[in-house]
Amino acid sequence: MKLVFLGPPGAGKGTQAAVVSQALGIPHISTGDMFRKAMREGTPTGLKAKAYIDQGKLVPDSVTIEMVKERLSEEDCKNGYLLDGFPRSLYQAEALAGFSQPDAVVNIAVADEKLIARLSGRRFCPKCNGTFHVSRLADEKICPDCGAELVQRADDNPATIANRLSVYHEQTSPLTAYYAQKGLLKEVDGDRPMGQVSADILKALAVEV
């Protein structure tokens, strides 16, 4: 099965993708992992991407698309794949359709206010690298594992999160309409316990586990 996962930052795409890819026996391909793998292996597109990243520039669509095409041609994708983080725009979606048409597209939907509360409540321990949520901490300033002082990362600031969501809605959420029109979209409520969301995704894909 060839799948694409959509959803805003903090919706749990990576977590759910790992569960679903294991259940279906297909590789979970996140954009970040794909870039790192291609650069580590020194593939032609990996080297192109590295040249932009080393200069602090965004990797152009042409290179990203070529890298996805390269990755999906590998042996482990012969029975399907799960793309997480691509496509991010209508242009990328149309390019993907040119060399590999997804069987289904799962959109993990969570309201913005829920995402802001979820992400802004994260705390990071600079000493042991642990990540925690204030809702599960006895003291939101102290690491429960090593006792160091917890910090809030800049990316988890409510204003930063709101900006990231705005960018998502502008660039990526039009993809839901694009795939709905093609009859490929499966909408899942992501504002529930992890196991329940996983079960709903597999049910939507008509997969029995």
Foldseek 3Di string as FASTA:
>chain_A
DAEEEAEAPQLCRVVLLVVVCVLVVAEEDELVVLLVVCLVVVPPLNVVCVVQVVVVHHRDPVSSLVSVLVVCVDPRCPVYYYYYHPPQAPVRQVSCCVRDDGQAYEYADDDLVVSLQSLLQWWADPPPGDIDGVVPDPDSQADPPPGGGIDRDPCSHSVNSVVSRVVSVVGHPVVQVVVVVVVRYDYFHSPDDPVVRSVSVCVSVVHDD
